[in-house]
Amino acid sequence: MSDGKIHRLVLWVPAPRSASEEERQKDPFGVFGIIGAEFPSGDSDDYACLCRKAKSDHVSEINRLFEDSVPSFETIDALD
């Protein structure tokens, strides 16, 4: 039964994309790239851009955090 909400699943796999169909078949996460989307898929999908999109009310704070280093997910998530 649908509750009318959009549900998303994000999987972070810190590995390069599978280059061939054969490699993708061996990759246990490869199917998610086929049925969904993979990122980064362009310049706007780097970590800093994703943080700015997710926390658009905190862009200046996010910019400041990225000036010093690469903040953790927990740091960005705590901005609310």
C-alpha atoms as a PDB file:
ATOM      1  CA  MET A   1       0.000   0.000   0.000  1.00  0.00           C
ATOM      2  CA  SER A   2       1.399   3.386  -0.973  1.00  0.00           C
ATOM      3  CA  ASP A   3       1.385   6.212   1.528  1.00  0.00           C
ATOM      4  CA  GLY A   4       1.768   8.806  -1.246  1.00  0.00           C
ATOM      5  CA  LYS A   5       5.299   9.725  -0.173  1.00  0.00           C
ATOM      6  CA  ILE A   6       8.401   9.453  -2.302  1.00  0.00           C
ATOM      7  CA  HIS A   7      10.949   7.142  -0.761  1.00  0.00           C
ATOM      8  CA  ARG A   8      14.607   7.211  -1.704  1.00  0.00           C
ATOM      9  CA  LEU A   9      17.431   4.866  -0.963  1.00  0.00           C
ATOM     10  CA  VAL A  10      20.977   6.163  -1.114  1.00  0.00           C
ATOM     11  CA  LEU A  11      23.847   3.717  -1.148  1.00  0.00           C
ATOM     12  CA  TRP A  12      27.383   5.019  -0.855  1.00  0.00           C
ATOM     13  CA  VAL A  13      29.907   2.590  -2.287  1.00  0.00           C
ATOM     14  CA  PRO A  14      33.397   4.103  -2.175  1.00  0.00           C
ATOM     15  CA  ALA A  15      34.626   2.324  -5.277  1.00  0.00           C
ATOM     16  CA  PRO A  16      34.874   3.189  -8.954  1.00  0.00           C
ATOM     17  CA  ARG A  17      31.983   2.327 -11.242  1.00  0.00           C
ATOM     18  CA  SER A  18      32.069  -1.049 -12.899  1.00  0.00           C
ATOM     19  CA  ALA A  19      33.455  -0.468 -16.377  1.00  0.00           C
ATOM     20  CA  SER A  20      31.938  -3.419 -18.200  1.00  0.00           C
ATOM     21  CA  GLU A  21      28.683  -5.323 -18.112  1.00  0.00           C
ATOM     22  CA  GLU A  22      30.564  -8.378 -16.815  1.00  0.00           C
ATOM     23  CA  GLU A  23      32.039  -6.390 -13.901  1.00  0.00           C
ATOM     24  CA  ARG A  24      28.619  -4.929 -13.146  1.00  0.00           C
ATOM     25  CA  GLN A  25      27.103  -8.406 -12.962  1.00  0.00           C
ATOM     26  CA  LYS A  26      29.720  -9.397 -10.374  1.00  0.00           C
ATOM     27  CA  ASP A  27      29.175  -6.219  -8.351  1.00  0.00           C
ATOM     28  CA  PRO A  28      26.542  -6.812  -5.638  1.00  0.00           C
ATOM     29  CA  PHE A  29      25.552  -3.122  -5.850  1.00  0.00           C
ATOM     30  CA  GLY A  30      25.645  -2.872  -9.646  1.00  0.00           C
ATOM     31  CA  VAL A  31      21.915  -3.392 -10.044  1.00  0.00           C
ATOM     32  CA  PHE A  32      21.208  -0.195  -8.124  1.00  0.00           C
ATOM     33  CA  GLY A  33      23.163   1.774 -10.692  1.00  0.00           C
ATOM     34  CA  ILE A  34      21.115   0.188 -13.461  1.00  0.00           C
ATOM     35  CA  ILE A  35      17.668   0.738 -11.936  1.00  0.00           C
ATOM     36  CA  GLY A  36      18.477   4.064 -10.336  1.00  0.00           C
ATOM     37  CA  ALA A  37      21.162   6.619 -10.814  1.00  0.00           C
ATOM     38  CA  GLU A  38      24.831   6.742 -10.046  1.00  0.00           C
ATOM     39  CA  PHE A  39      26.697   9.718  -8.803  1.00  0.00           C
ATOM     40  CA  PRO A  40      28.756  11.569  -9.311  1.00  0.00           C
ATOM     41  CA  SER A  41      27.208  11.886 -12.720  1.00  0.00           C
ATOM     42  CA  GLY A  42      28.357  15.449 -13.329  1.00  0.00           C
ATOM     43  CA  ASP A  43      30.062  18.461 -11.810  1.00  0.00           C
ATOM     44  CA  SER A  44      27.045  19.294  -9.651  1.00  0.00           C
ATOM     45  CA  ASP A  45      27.197  15.928  -7.892  1.00  0.00           C
ATOM     46  CA  ASP A  46      30.306  16.457  -5.801  1.00  0.00           C
ATOM     47  CA  TYR A  47      29.986  16.265  -2.028  1.00  0.00           C
ATOM     48  CA  ALA A  48      29.941  20.040  -1.456  1.00  0.00           C
ATOM     49  CA  CYS A  49      27.205  20.614  -4.061  1.00  0.00           C
ATOM     50  CA  LEU A  50      25.103  17.796  -2.646  1.00  0.00           C
ATOM     51  CA  CYS A  51      25.427  19.306   0.833  1.00  0.00           C
ATOM     52  CA  ARG A  52      24.323  22.718  -0.460  1.00  0.00           C
ATOM     53  CA  LYS A  53      21.303  21.160  -2.197  1.00  0.00           C
ATOM     54  CA  ALA A  54      20.301  19.150   0.859  1.00  0.00           C
ATOM     55  CA  LYS A  55      20.716  22.043   3.300  1.00  0.00           C
ATOM     56  CA  SER A  56      19.842  25.046   1.137  1.00  0.00           C
ATOM     57  CA  ASP A  57      19.051  27.173   4.202  1.00  0.00           C
ATOM     58  CA  HIS A  58      22.658  26.781   5.392  1.00  0.00           C
ATOM     59  CA  VAL A  59      24.698  27.464   2.240  1.00  0.00           C
ATOM     60  CA  SER A  60      26.919  30.126   3.820  1.00  0.00           C
ATOM     61  CA  GLU A  61      27.718  27.842   6.768  1.00  0.00           C
ATOM     62  CA  ILE A  62      28.444  24.955   4.413  1.00  0.00           C
ATOM     63  CA  ASN A  63      30.745  27.136   2.306  1.00  0.00           C
ATOM     64  CA  ARG A  64      32.632  28.144   5.453  1.00  0.00           C
ATOM     65  CA  LEU A  65      33.007  24.507   6.539  1.00  0.00           C
ATOM     66  CA  PHE A  66      34.400  23.514   3.140  1.00  0.00           C
ATOM     67  CA  GLU A  67      36.949  26.356   3.238  1.00  0.00           C
ATOM     68  CA  ASP A  68      38.767  24.707   6.142  1.00  0.00           C
ATOM     69  CA  SER A  69      38.428  21.021   5.246  1.00  0.00           C
ATOM     70  CA  VAL A  70      35.913  18.432   4.098  1.00  0.00           C
ATOM     71  CA  PRO A  71      33.259  18.230   6.818  1.00  0.00           C
ATOM     72  CA  SER A  72      31.799  14.900   7.840  1.00  0.00           C
ATOM     73  CA  PHE A  73      28.231  13.926   7.007  1.00  0.00           C
ATOM     74  CA  GLU A  74      27.412  14.226  10.696  1.00  0.00           C
ATOM     75  CA  THR A  75      28.639  17.840  10.753  1.00  0.00           C
ATOM     76  CA  ILE A  76      26.498  18.772   7.755  1.00  0.00           C
ATOM     77  CA  ASP A  77      23.498  16.860   9.112  1.00  0.00           C
ATOM     78  CA  ALA A  78      23.741  18.699  12.446  1.00  0.00           C
ATOM     79  CA  LEU A  79      23.279  22.119  10.813  1.00  0.00           C
ATOM     80  CA  ASP A  80      19.540  22.058  11.528  1.00  0.00           C
END
